[in-house]
Amino acid sequence: MKDKLKKLFTNVWNVPNVLTMIRLLLVPVFVVLFFTDHRKLALVVFLLASFTDFLDGYLARKWNQITDFGKLFDPLADKLMVLTALVCQGIAGVIPWAAIFIVAAKELLMVLGGAFMLRKGVVVYSNMAGKTAMVFFIASLILSFFHEEFLTWGWSIPLDSIVLWMTVGMSLQAMVIYGCDALQQIKKGKKTAA
């Protein structure tokens, strides 16, 4: 376990990982701006954080700087920013708490599952279903900043709400895929040990 943690924090200081760290630091900035009635600036911070998510993955692949740190902390930074934005919009009365609780429970299960897999010596990385759900979460959160405008324009169900609930479904589907992949990896490990 100690060797795995040492490997996790090897070669941390590269541009993609620094972008991930910046994204983590933007979370409290977003919260402060959101609750000091600078919501459009909070949206800009959210967009910047979302762009760093795209950029760090692109650069890591382009420059061959993919690290275990990035594989683990990049999705963690994404989840933290998305959950923070969801909760802020929930407090503001824009996003229903049912959606927030479902997503938070799903993320808690994912973190616990990831920790369990790490103890088994397996790092669970993001897959296409999870990445797709994250893109839709970002889209629904961006749209949520225009929730009042959708209502003003006469939408009975605002576009942000429609996209949000679609995304909740996609996110749950991604969790099932992660769970199936994790079970397969555990089974492979048992066969190898036998």
N, C-alpha and C. Protein backbone atom coordinates (compact mmCIF):
# COMPACT_ATOMS: atom_id res chain seq x y z
N MET A 1 0.84 -1.20 0.00
CA MET A 1 0.00 0.00 0.00
C MET A 1 0.88 1.26 0.00
N LYS A 2 1.95 1.23 0.78
CA LYS A 2 2.85 2.38 0.85
C LYS A 2 3.49 2.67 -0.51
N ASP A 3 3.86 1.60 -1.23
CA ASP A 3 4.44 1.77 -2.57
C ASP A 3 3.43 2.37 -3.54
N LYS A 4 2.17 1.95 -3.41
CA LYS A 4 1.12 2.47 -4.29
C LYS A 4 0.90 3.96 -4.04
N LEU A 5 0.92 4.38 -2.76
CA LEU A 5 0.77 5.80 -2.45
C LEU A 5 1.97 6.59 -2.94
N LYS A 6 3.16 6.00 -2.81
CA LYS A 6 4.38 6.68 -3.29
C LYS A 6 4.29 6.87 -4.80
N LYS A 7 3.82 5.84 -5.51
CA LYS A 7 3.67 5.93 -6.97
C LYS A 7 2.62 6.98 -7.35
N LEU A 8 1.55 7.07 -6.53
CA LEU A 8 0.48 8.02 -6.78
C LEU A 8 1.01 9.46 -6.78
N PHE A 9 1.97 9.74 -5.89
CA PHE A 9 2.49 11.11 -5.76
C PHE A 9 3.84 11.29 -6.44
N THR A 10 4.16 10.39 -7.41
CA THR A 10 5.36 10.54 -8.23
C THR A 10 5.02 11.33 -9.48
N ASN A 11 5.92 12.19 -9.91
CA ASN A 11 5.73 13.02 -11.12
C ASN A 11 4.47 13.86 -11.07
N VAL A 12 4.20 14.44 -9.90
CA VAL A 12 2.99 15.24 -9.73
C VAL A 12 3.10 16.59 -10.41
N TRP A 13 4.28 17.18 -10.43
CA TRP A 13 4.43 18.56 -10.89
C TRP A 13 4.60 18.65 -12.40
N ASN A 14 3.50 18.53 -13.09
CA ASN A 14 3.47 18.80 -14.53
C ASN A 14 2.25 19.67 -14.80
N VAL A 15 2.15 20.23 -15.98
CA VAL A 15 1.08 21.19 -16.30
C VAL A 15 -0.32 20.59 -16.11
N PRO A 16 -0.61 19.39 -16.61
CA PRO A 16 -1.96 18.85 -16.41
C PRO A 16 -2.34 18.71 -14.93
N ASN A 17 -1.40 18.24 -14.11
CA ASN A 17 -1.71 18.09 -12.68
C ASN A 17 -1.87 19.43 -11.99
N VAL A 18 -1.08 20.41 -12.39
CA VAL A 18 -1.22 21.76 -11.82
C VAL A 18 -2.58 22.34 -12.18
N LEU A 19 -3.05 22.09 -13.40
CA LEU A 19 -4.39 22.54 -13.78
C LEU A 19 -5.47 21.87 -12.91
N THR A 20 -5.27 20.60 -12.58
CA THR A 20 -6.20 19.91 -11.69
C THR A 20 -6.18 20.57 -10.31
N MET A 21 -4.99 20.91 -9.82
CA MET A 21 -4.87 21.56 -8.51
C MET A 21 -5.54 22.94 -8.53
N ILE A 22 -5.37 23.67 -9.63
CA ILE A 22 -6.02 24.98 -9.77
C ILE A 22 -7.53 24.81 -9.71
N ARG A 23 -8.04 23.77 -10.38
CA ARG A 23 -9.48 23.51 -10.35
C ARG A 23 -9.97 23.27 -8.92
N LEU A 24 -9.19 22.55 -8.15
CA LEU A 24 -9.56 22.34 -6.73
C LEU A 24 -9.58 23.67 -5.98
N LEU A 25 -8.63 24.54 -6.26
CA LEU A 25 -8.57 25.84 -5.59
C LEU A 25 -9.69 26.78 -6.02
N LEU A 26 -10.24 26.56 -7.21
CA LEU A 26 -11.34 27.40 -7.69
C LEU A 26 -12.67 27.11 -6.99
N VAL A 27 -12.77 25.95 -6.34
CA VAL A 27 -14.03 25.59 -5.67
C VAL A 27 -14.41 26.63 -4.61
N PRO A 28 -13.52 26.97 -3.65
CA PRO A 28 -13.93 27.99 -2.67
C PRO A 28 -14.15 29.37 -3.30
N VAL A 29 -13.42 29.69 -4.35
CA VAL A 29 -13.62 30.97 -5.05
C VAL A 29 -15.05 31.02 -5.60
N PHE A 30 -15.48 29.91 -6.22
CA PHE A 30 -16.84 29.81 -6.75
C PHE A 30 -17.86 30.06 -5.64
N VAL A 31 -17.68 29.41 -4.49
CA VAL A 31 -18.63 29.52 -3.38
C VAL A 31 -18.73 30.97 -2.90
N VAL A 32 -17.59 31.60 -2.70
CA VAL A 32 -17.59 32.99 -2.22
C VAL A 32 -18.31 33.90 -3.20
N LEU A 33 -18.00 33.77 -4.48
CA LEU A 33 -18.65 34.61 -5.48
C LEU A 33 -20.15 34.34 -5.55
N PHE A 34 -20.53 33.08 -5.48
CA PHE A 34 -21.94 32.71 -5.58
C PHE A 34 -22.75 33.33 -4.44
N PHE A 35 -22.22 33.25 -3.22
CA PHE A 35 -23.00 33.71 -2.07
C PHE A 35 -22.78 35.18 -1.72
N THR A 36 -21.98 35.89 -2.51
CA THR A 36 -21.87 37.34 -2.35
C THR A 36 -22.55 38.04 -3.51
N ASP A 37 -23.52 37.34 -4.10
CA ASP A 37 -24.34 37.87 -5.20
C ASP A 37 -23.54 38.30 -6.41
N HIS A 38 -22.49 37.55 -6.69
CA HIS A 38 -21.73 37.72 -7.93
C HIS A 38 -21.89 36.44 -8.75
N ARG A 39 -23.15 36.10 -9.02
CA ARG A 39 -23.46 34.80 -9.65
C ARG A 39 -22.88 34.68 -11.05
N LYS A 40 -22.88 35.75 -11.80
CA LYS A 40 -22.32 35.65 -13.16
C LYS A 40 -20.80 35.46 -13.10
N LEU A 41 -20.15 36.08 -12.11
CA LEU A 41 -18.71 35.83 -11.93
C LEU A 41 -18.47 34.40 -11.46
N ALA A 42 -19.37 33.89 -10.63
CA ALA A 42 -19.28 32.48 -10.21
C ALA A 42 -19.40 31.57 -11.42
N LEU A 43 -20.29 31.94 -12.34
CA LEU A 43 -20.43 31.17 -13.58
C LEU A 43 -19.13 31.20 -14.38
N VAL A 44 -18.47 32.36 -14.44
CA VAL A 44 -17.20 32.47 -15.15
C VAL A 44 -16.16 31.54 -14.51
N VAL A 45 -16.12 31.51 -13.18
CA VAL A 45 -15.19 30.61 -12.47
C VAL A 45 -15.52 29.16 -12.80
N PHE A 46 -16.81 28.84 -12.82
CA PHE A 46 -17.24 27.48 -13.15
C PHE A 46 -16.82 27.11 -14.58
N LEU A 47 -17.00 28.05 -15.51
CA LEU A 47 -16.58 27.82 -16.90
C LEU A 47 -15.07 27.64 -16.99
N LEU A 48 -14.32 28.45 -16.25
CA LEU A 48 -12.87 28.33 -16.23
C LEU A 48 -12.45 26.97 -15.68
N ALA A 49 -13.08 26.55 -14.60
CA ALA A 49 -12.77 25.24 -14.02
C ALA A 49 -13.11 24.13 -15.02
N SER A 50 -14.23 24.26 -15.71
CA SER A 50 -14.62 23.26 -16.71
C SER A 50 -13.62 23.22 -17.85
N PHE A 51 -13.12 24.40 -18.26
CA PHE A 51 -12.13 24.45 -19.33
C PHE A 51 -10.82 23.79 -18.90
N THR A 52 -10.41 24.01 -17.64
CA THR A 52 -9.17 23.37 -17.17
C THR A 52 -9.33 21.86 -17.16
N ASP A 53 -10.56 21.38 -16.94
CA ASP A 53 -10.80 19.94 -16.97
C ASP A 53 -10.52 19.40 -18.37
N PHE A 54 -11.05 20.07 -19.37
CA PHE A 54 -10.78 19.66 -20.76
C PHE A 54 -9.29 19.78 -21.08
N LEU A 55 -8.70 20.91 -20.70
CA LEU A 55 -7.32 21.21 -21.06
C LEU A 55 -6.33 20.25 -20.40
N ASP A 56 -6.55 19.93 -19.12
CA ASP A 56 -5.56 19.05 -18.47
C ASP A 56 -5.56 17.66 -19.07
N GLY A 57 -6.72 17.14 -19.43
CA GLY A 57 -6.77 15.83 -20.07
C GLY A 57 -6.12 15.83 -21.45
N TYR A 58 -6.42 16.89 -22.20
CA TYR A 58 -5.84 17.03 -23.54
C TYR A 58 -4.31 17.10 -23.47
N LEU A 59 -3.80 17.95 -22.57
CA LEU A 59 -2.34 18.12 -22.45
C LEU A 59 -1.67 16.86 -21.92
N ALA A 60 -2.32 16.20 -20.98
CA ALA A 60 -1.74 14.97 -20.42
C ALA A 60 -1.55 13.92 -21.51
N ARG A 61 -2.54 13.81 -22.40
CA ARG A 61 -2.42 12.84 -23.50
C ARG A 61 -1.41 13.32 -24.55
N LYS A 62 -1.47 14.61 -24.90
CA LYS A 62 -0.60 15.14 -25.95
C LYS A 62 0.87 15.07 -25.54
N TRP A 63 1.16 15.43 -24.29
CA TRP A 63 2.54 15.48 -23.82
C TRP A 63 2.97 14.19 -23.11
N ASN A 64 2.10 13.19 -23.15
CA ASN A 64 2.37 11.91 -22.48
C ASN A 64 2.73 12.13 -21.01
N GLN A 65 1.90 12.94 -20.33
CA GLN A 65 2.11 13.23 -18.91
C GLN A 65 0.96 12.68 -18.08
N ILE A 66 0.48 11.52 -18.47
CA ILE A 66 -0.60 10.87 -17.73
C ILE A 66 0.02 10.23 -16.49
N THR A 67 -0.49 10.62 -15.32
CA THR A 67 0.04 10.10 -14.06
C THR A 67 -1.08 9.48 -13.24
N ASP A 68 -0.71 8.65 -12.28
CA ASP A 68 -1.72 8.09 -11.38
C ASP A 68 -2.40 9.20 -10.58
N PHE A 69 -1.64 10.23 -10.21
CA PHE A 69 -2.21 11.38 -9.50
C PHE A 69 -3.32 12.01 -10.34
N GLY A 70 -3.03 12.26 -11.62
CA GLY A 70 -4.02 12.87 -12.50
C GLY A 70 -5.23 11.99 -12.71
N LYS A 71 -4.99 10.69 -12.85
CA LYS A 71 -6.10 9.76 -13.07
C LYS A 71 -7.04 9.73 -11.87
N LEU A 72 -6.50 9.93 -10.68
CA LEU A 72 -7.32 9.89 -9.47
C LEU A 72 -7.90 11.26 -9.13
N PHE A 73 -7.05 12.30 -9.16
CA PHE A 73 -7.49 13.62 -8.68
C PHE A 73 -8.25 14.43 -9.72
N ASP A 74 -8.05 14.17 -11.01
CA ASP A 74 -8.80 14.90 -12.03
C ASP A 74 -10.30 14.65 -11.89
N PRO A 75 -10.75 13.38 -11.83
CA PRO A 75 -12.20 13.19 -11.65
C PRO A 75 -12.68 13.66 -10.28
N LEU A 76 -11.80 13.57 -9.24
CA LEU A 76 -12.18 14.03 -7.92
C LEU A 76 -12.43 15.54 -7.93
N ALA A 77 -11.54 16.30 -8.61
CA ALA A 77 -11.72 17.75 -8.72
C ALA A 77 -13.01 18.07 -9.47
N ASP A 78 -13.31 17.30 -10.52
CA ASP A 78 -14.54 17.50 -11.28
C ASP A 78 -15.76 17.31 -10.39
N LYS A 79 -15.75 16.20 -9.66
CA LYS A 79 -16.89 15.87 -8.81
C LYS A 79 -17.08 16.94 -7.74
N LEU A 80 -15.99 17.40 -7.15
CA LEU A 80 -16.08 18.41 -6.11
C LEU A 80 -16.67 19.71 -6.65
N MET A 81 -16.22 20.12 -7.82
CA MET A 81 -16.75 21.36 -8.41
C MET A 81 -18.23 21.20 -8.76
N VAL A 82 -18.59 20.07 -9.36
CA VAL A 82 -19.98 19.85 -9.75
C VAL A 82 -20.88 19.77 -8.52
N LEU A 83 -20.48 19.01 -7.50
CA LEU A 83 -21.30 18.90 -6.28
C LEU A 83 -21.44 20.24 -5.59
N THR A 84 -20.35 21.02 -5.57
CA THR A 84 -20.41 22.34 -4.95
C THR A 84 -21.40 23.23 -5.70
N ALA A 85 -21.33 23.23 -7.03
CA ALA A 85 -22.26 24.04 -7.82
C ALA A 85 -23.70 23.56 -7.63
N LEU A 86 -23.90 22.24 -7.57
CA LEU A 86 -25.25 21.70 -7.35
C LEU A 86 -25.81 22.17 -6.01
N VAL A 87 -25.00 22.07 -4.95
CA VAL A 87 -25.47 22.46 -3.62
C VAL A 87 -25.75 23.96 -3.58
N CYS A 88 -24.88 24.76 -4.16
CA CYS A 88 -25.12 26.21 -4.19
C CYS A 88 -26.43 26.52 -4.90
N GLN A 89 -26.67 25.88 -6.04
CA GLN A 89 -27.91 26.12 -6.78
C GLN A 89 -29.12 25.54 -6.02
N GLY A 90 -28.89 24.49 -5.24
CA GLY A 90 -29.96 23.95 -4.40
C GLY A 90 -30.35 24.93 -3.31
N ILE A 91 -29.34 25.52 -2.66
CA ILE A 91 -29.60 26.53 -1.62
C ILE A 91 -30.32 27.73 -2.22
N ALA A 92 -29.97 28.07 -3.46
CA ALA A 92 -30.61 29.20 -4.14
C ALA A 92 -32.02 28.86 -4.63
N GLY A 93 -32.43 27.58 -4.50
CA GLY A 93 -33.77 27.17 -4.91
C GLY A 93 -33.92 26.88 -6.38
N VAL A 94 -32.80 26.74 -7.09
CA VAL A 94 -32.85 26.51 -8.54
C VAL A 94 -32.90 25.01 -8.85
N ILE A 95 -32.08 24.24 -8.16
CA ILE A 95 -32.00 22.79 -8.41
C ILE A 95 -32.70 22.06 -7.27
N PRO A 96 -33.55 21.09 -7.60
CA PRO A 96 -34.27 20.36 -6.55
C PRO A 96 -33.32 19.51 -5.70
N TRP A 97 -33.60 19.48 -4.40
CA TRP A 97 -32.74 18.73 -3.47
C TRP A 97 -32.76 17.24 -3.76
N ALA A 98 -33.84 16.73 -4.33
CA ALA A 98 -33.89 15.29 -4.67
C ALA A 98 -32.76 14.93 -5.62
N ALA A 99 -32.54 15.76 -6.63
CA ALA A 99 -31.46 15.52 -7.60
C ALA A 99 -30.10 15.59 -6.90
N ILE A 100 -29.94 16.57 -6.01
CA ILE A 100 -28.67 16.73 -5.30
C ILE A 100 -28.39 15.52 -4.43
N PHE A 101 -29.41 15.04 -3.69
CA PHE A 101 -29.21 13.87 -2.82
C PHE A 101 -28.87 12.62 -3.63
N ILE A 102 -29.54 12.44 -4.76
CA ILE A 102 -29.24 11.27 -5.61
C ILE A 102 -27.80 11.32 -6.09
N VAL A 103 -27.38 12.50 -6.58
CA VAL A 103 -26.02 12.64 -7.10
C VAL A 103 -25.00 12.49 -5.98
N ALA A 104 -25.27 13.10 -4.81
CA ALA A 104 -24.33 13.00 -3.68
C ALA A 104 -24.20 11.56 -3.21
N ALA A 105 -25.32 10.83 -3.14
CA ALA A 105 -25.27 9.42 -2.73
C ALA A 105 -24.48 8.60 -3.74
N LYS A 106 -24.70 8.86 -5.01
CA LYS A 106 -23.97 8.16 -6.07
C LYS A 106 -22.48 8.44 -5.96
N GLU A 107 -22.12 9.71 -5.74
CA GLU A 107 -20.70 10.07 -5.63
C GLU A 107 -20.07 9.45 -4.39
N LEU A 108 -20.81 9.40 -3.28
CA LEU A 108 -20.30 8.77 -2.06
C LEU A 108 -20.04 7.29 -2.31
N LEU A 109 -20.96 6.62 -2.98
CA LEU A 109 -20.76 5.20 -3.33
C LEU A 109 -19.55 5.02 -4.23
N MET A 110 -19.37 5.95 -5.17
CA MET A 110 -18.22 5.87 -6.08
C MET A 110 -16.90 6.04 -5.32
N VAL A 111 -16.86 7.00 -4.39
CA VAL A 111 -15.64 7.23 -3.61
C VAL A 111 -15.34 6.03 -2.72
N LEU A 112 -16.36 5.52 -2.05
CA LEU A 112 -16.16 4.34 -1.20
C LEU A 112 -15.73 3.13 -2.03
N GLY A 113 -16.35 2.96 -3.18
CA GLY A 113 -15.97 1.86 -4.08
C GLY A 113 -14.55 2.02 -4.59
N GLY A 114 -14.19 3.25 -4.93
CA GLY A 114 -12.82 3.52 -5.39
C GLY A 114 -11.80 3.24 -4.30
N ALA A 115 -12.13 3.63 -3.05
CA ALA A 115 -11.22 3.37 -1.92
C ALA A 115 -11.09 1.87 -1.69
N PHE A 116 -12.21 1.15 -1.79
CA PHE A 116 -12.17 -0.31 -1.63
C PHE A 116 -11.30 -0.94 -2.70
N MET A 117 -11.46 -0.49 -3.94
CA MET A 117 -10.67 -1.03 -5.04
C MET A 117 -9.19 -0.70 -4.87
N LEU A 118 -8.89 0.50 -4.37
CA LEU A 118 -7.50 0.90 -4.14
C LEU A 118 -6.85 -0.02 -3.11
N ARG A 119 -7.62 -0.40 -2.09
CA ARG A 119 -7.10 -1.34 -1.08
C ARG A 119 -6.83 -2.71 -1.69
N LYS A 120 -7.55 -3.03 -2.74
CA LYS A 120 -7.34 -4.30 -3.45
C LYS A 120 -6.21 -4.17 -4.48
N GLY A 121 -5.63 -2.95 -4.56
CA GLY A 121 -4.52 -2.74 -5.50
C GLY A 121 -4.96 -2.35 -6.89
N VAL A 122 -6.22 -1.92 -7.03
CA VAL A 122 -6.75 -1.54 -8.34
C VAL A 122 -7.19 -0.08 -8.28
N VAL A 123 -6.67 0.75 -9.20
CA VAL A 123 -7.11 2.14 -9.31
C VAL A 123 -8.22 2.19 -10.34
N VAL A 124 -9.37 2.74 -9.93
CA VAL A 124 -10.52 2.84 -10.84
C VAL A 124 -10.43 4.18 -11.56
N TYR A 125 -10.35 4.13 -12.88
CA TYR A 125 -10.21 5.34 -13.69
C TYR A 125 -11.55 5.68 -14.33
N SER A 126 -11.67 6.93 -14.75
CA SER A 126 -12.92 7.35 -15.39
C SER A 126 -13.06 6.65 -16.74
N ASN A 127 -14.31 6.41 -17.12
CA ASN A 127 -14.58 5.79 -18.42
C ASN A 127 -15.47 6.72 -19.24
N MET A 128 -15.78 6.33 -20.45
CA MET A 128 -16.54 7.20 -21.36
C MET A 128 -17.93 7.54 -20.82
N ALA A 129 -18.59 6.58 -20.17
CA ALA A 129 -19.93 6.85 -19.62
C ALA A 129 -19.85 7.92 -18.54
N GLY A 130 -18.85 7.83 -17.68
CA GLY A 130 -18.66 8.83 -16.63
C GLY A 130 -18.30 10.19 -17.19
N LYS A 131 -17.43 10.19 -18.22
CA LYS A 131 -17.03 11.46 -18.83
C LYS A 131 -18.22 12.13 -19.53
N THR A 132 -19.04 11.32 -20.20
CA THR A 132 -20.22 11.86 -20.88
C THR A 132 -21.20 12.47 -19.87
N ALA A 133 -21.43 11.75 -18.77
CA ALA A 133 -22.32 12.27 -17.72
C ALA A 133 -21.76 13.58 -17.16
N MET A 134 -20.43 13.66 -17.01
CA MET A 134 -19.83 14.88 -16.48
C MET A 134 -20.04 16.06 -17.43
N VAL A 135 -19.91 15.82 -18.74
CA VAL A 135 -20.14 16.89 -19.72
C VAL A 135 -21.58 17.39 -19.61
N PHE A 136 -22.54 16.47 -19.47
CA PHE A 136 -23.94 16.87 -19.35
C PHE A 136 -24.21 17.58 -18.02
N PHE A 137 -23.52 17.16 -16.95
CA PHE A 137 -23.66 17.87 -15.67
C PHE A 137 -23.19 19.31 -15.82
N ILE A 138 -22.06 19.48 -16.47
CA ILE A 138 -21.53 20.83 -16.68
C ILE A 138 -22.53 21.66 -17.49
N ALA A 139 -23.08 21.06 -18.54
CA ALA A 139 -24.07 21.77 -19.36
C ALA A 139 -25.31 22.15 -18.54
N SER A 140 -25.80 21.21 -17.74
CA SER A 140 -27.01 21.52 -16.95
C SER A 140 -26.72 22.58 -15.90
N LEU A 141 -25.51 22.57 -15.34
CA LEU A 141 -25.17 23.60 -14.35
C LEU A 141 -25.00 24.97 -15.00
N ILE A 142 -24.42 25.01 -16.17
CA ILE A 142 -24.32 26.29 -16.89
C ILE A 142 -25.73 26.82 -17.18
N LEU A 143 -26.59 25.93 -17.66
CA LEU A 143 -27.97 26.34 -17.96
C LEU A 143 -28.71 26.79 -16.69
N SER A 144 -28.35 26.20 -15.53
CA SER A 144 -29.05 26.56 -14.28
C SER A 144 -28.84 28.02 -13.90
N PHE A 145 -27.77 28.63 -14.39
CA PHE A 145 -27.55 30.04 -14.11
C PHE A 145 -28.54 30.93 -14.88
N PHE A 146 -29.27 30.32 -15.82
CA PHE A 146 -30.27 31.04 -16.61
C PHE A 146 -31.67 30.51 -16.33
N HIS A 147 -31.85 29.87 -15.19
CA HIS A 147 -33.13 29.26 -14.80
C HIS A 147 -34.27 30.28 -14.84
N GLU A 148 -34.04 31.44 -14.24
CA GLU A 148 -35.09 32.47 -14.20
C GLU A 148 -35.45 32.94 -15.60
N GLU A 149 -34.45 33.05 -16.46
CA GLU A 149 -34.72 33.48 -17.83
C GLU A 149 -35.61 32.47 -18.56
N PHE A 150 -35.34 31.16 -18.33
CA PHE A 150 -36.19 30.14 -18.97
C PHE A 150 -37.63 30.28 -18.51
N LEU A 151 -37.82 30.55 -17.21
CA LEU A 151 -39.18 30.73 -16.69
C LEU A 151 -39.82 31.97 -17.30
N THR A 152 -39.04 33.04 -17.41
CA THR A 152 -39.54 34.29 -18.00
C THR A 152 -39.95 34.08 -19.45
N TRP A 153 -39.21 33.22 -20.15
CA TRP A 153 -39.50 32.96 -21.57
C TRP A 153 -40.69 32.02 -21.75
N GLY A 154 -41.28 31.56 -20.66
CA GLY A 154 -42.49 30.77 -20.73
C GLY A 154 -42.30 29.25 -20.73
N TRP A 155 -41.10 28.78 -20.42
CA TRP A 155 -40.89 27.33 -20.33
C TRP A 155 -41.63 26.81 -19.09
N SER A 156 -42.51 25.84 -19.27
CA SER A 156 -43.18 25.27 -18.09
C SER A 156 -42.20 24.43 -17.28
N ILE A 157 -41.33 23.72 -17.96
CA ILE A 157 -40.21 23.03 -17.31
C ILE A 157 -38.95 23.61 -17.94
N PRO A 158 -38.18 24.36 -17.15
CA PRO A 158 -37.00 25.02 -17.72
C PRO A 158 -36.01 24.02 -18.31
N LEU A 159 -35.32 24.43 -19.36
CA LEU A 159 -34.37 23.57 -20.06
C LEU A 159 -33.32 23.01 -19.11
N ASP A 160 -32.85 23.82 -18.16
CA ASP A 160 -31.83 23.33 -17.23
C ASP A 160 -32.34 22.15 -16.40
N SER A 161 -33.63 22.17 -16.04
CA SER A 161 -34.22 21.06 -15.26
C SER A 161 -34.30 19.79 -16.11
N ILE A 162 -34.67 19.94 -17.37
CA ILE A 162 -34.76 18.78 -18.26
C ILE A 162 -33.39 18.12 -18.42
N VAL A 163 -32.38 18.96 -18.71
CA VAL A 163 -31.02 18.43 -18.90
C VAL A 163 -30.50 17.83 -17.59
N LEU A 164 -30.81 18.47 -16.46
CA LEU A 164 -30.35 17.96 -15.16
C LEU A 164 -30.87 16.55 -14.91
N TRP A 165 -32.17 16.32 -15.09
CA TRP A 165 -32.72 15.00 -14.79
C TRP A 165 -32.23 13.94 -15.78
N MET A 166 -32.02 14.34 -17.03
CA MET A 166 -31.40 13.40 -17.99
C MET A 166 -30.01 13.01 -17.49
N THR A 167 -29.29 14.00 -16.99
CA THR A 167 -27.93 13.77 -16.53
C THR A 167 -27.89 12.90 -15.28
N VAL A 168 -28.83 13.07 -14.39
CA VAL A 168 -28.90 12.21 -13.20
C VAL A 168 -29.03 10.76 -13.64
N GLY A 169 -29.90 10.50 -14.63
CA GLY A 169 -30.06 9.14 -15.16
C GLY A 169 -28.77 8.62 -15.78
N MET A 170 -28.09 9.46 -16.56
CA MET A 170 -26.83 9.06 -17.18
C MET A 170 -25.77 8.77 -16.12
N SER A 171 -25.77 9.56 -15.07
CA SER A 171 -24.79 9.39 -14.00
C SER A 171 -25.00 8.06 -13.26
N LEU A 172 -26.26 7.72 -13.02
CA LEU A 172 -26.55 6.43 -12.37
C LEU A 172 -26.16 5.26 -13.27
N GLN A 173 -26.39 5.43 -14.56
CA GLN A 173 -25.97 4.39 -15.52
C GLN A 173 -24.45 4.23 -15.50
N ALA A 174 -23.73 5.34 -15.45
CA ALA A 174 -22.27 5.29 -15.39
C ALA A 174 -21.80 4.57 -14.13
N MET A 175 -22.50 4.79 -13.00
CA MET A 175 -22.14 4.12 -11.76
C MET A 175 -22.27 2.60 -11.89
N VAL A 176 -23.34 2.16 -12.55
CA VAL A 176 -23.54 0.72 -12.76
C VAL A 176 -22.39 0.15 -13.61
N ILE A 177 -21.99 0.89 -14.64
CA ILE A 177 -20.89 0.44 -15.50
C ILE A 177 -19.59 0.35 -14.71
N TYR A 178 -19.32 1.38 -13.88
CA TYR A 178 -18.13 1.35 -13.03
C TYR A 178 -18.16 0.13 -12.10
N GLY A 179 -19.32 -0.12 -11.51
CA GLY A 179 -19.46 -1.26 -10.59
C GLY A 179 -19.20 -2.59 -11.29
N CYS A 180 -19.73 -2.75 -12.49
CA CYS A 180 -19.51 -3.99 -13.25
C CYS A 180 -18.04 -4.16 -13.60
N ASP A 181 -17.39 -3.04 -14.02
CA ASP A 181 -15.96 -3.09 -14.34
C ASP A 181 -15.14 -3.46 -13.10
N ALA A 182 -15.51 -2.88 -11.95
CA ALA A 182 -14.78 -3.16 -10.71
C ALA A 182 -14.92 -4.63 -10.33
N LEU A 183 -16.11 -5.17 -10.47
CA LEU A 183 -16.32 -6.60 -10.14
C LEU A 183 -15.49 -7.49 -11.06
N GLN A 184 -15.42 -7.14 -12.34
CA GLN A 184 -14.61 -7.93 -13.28
C GLN A 184 -13.13 -7.88 -12.89
N GLN A 185 -12.66 -6.71 -12.47
CA GLN A 185 -11.26 -6.59 -12.08
C GLN A 185 -10.96 -7.40 -10.82
N ILE A 186 -11.91 -7.43 -9.88
CA ILE A 186 -11.72 -8.22 -8.66
C ILE A 186 -11.68 -9.70 -9.02
N LYS A 187 -12.59 -10.12 -9.90
CA LYS A 187 -12.60 -11.54 -10.33
C LYS A 187 -11.31 -11.92 -11.03
N LYS A 188 -10.80 -11.03 -11.89
CA LYS A 188 -9.51 -11.31 -12.56
C LYS A 188 -8.38 -11.44 -11.55
N GLY A 189 -8.41 -10.57 -10.53
CA GLY A 189 -7.38 -10.63 -9.49
C GLY A 189 -7.42 -11.93 -8.71
N LYS A 190 -8.61 -12.42 -8.43
CA LYS A 190 -8.74 -13.69 -7.70
C LYS A 190 -8.26 -14.86 -8.54
N LYS A 191 -8.56 -14.82 -9.85
CA LYS A 191 -8.10 -15.90 -10.75
C LYS A 191 -6.59 -15.90 -10.85
N THR A 192 -5.99 -14.69 -10.91
CA THR A 192 -4.54 -14.58 -11.00
C THR A 192 -3.88 -15.10 -9.73
N ALA A 193 -4.49 -14.81 -8.58
CA ALA A 193 -3.91 -15.24 -7.29
C ALA A 193 -4.06 -16.73 -7.07
N ALA A 194 -5.03 -17.37 -7.72
CA ALA A 194 -5.29 -18.80 -7.51
C ALA A 194 -4.25 -19.69 -8.15
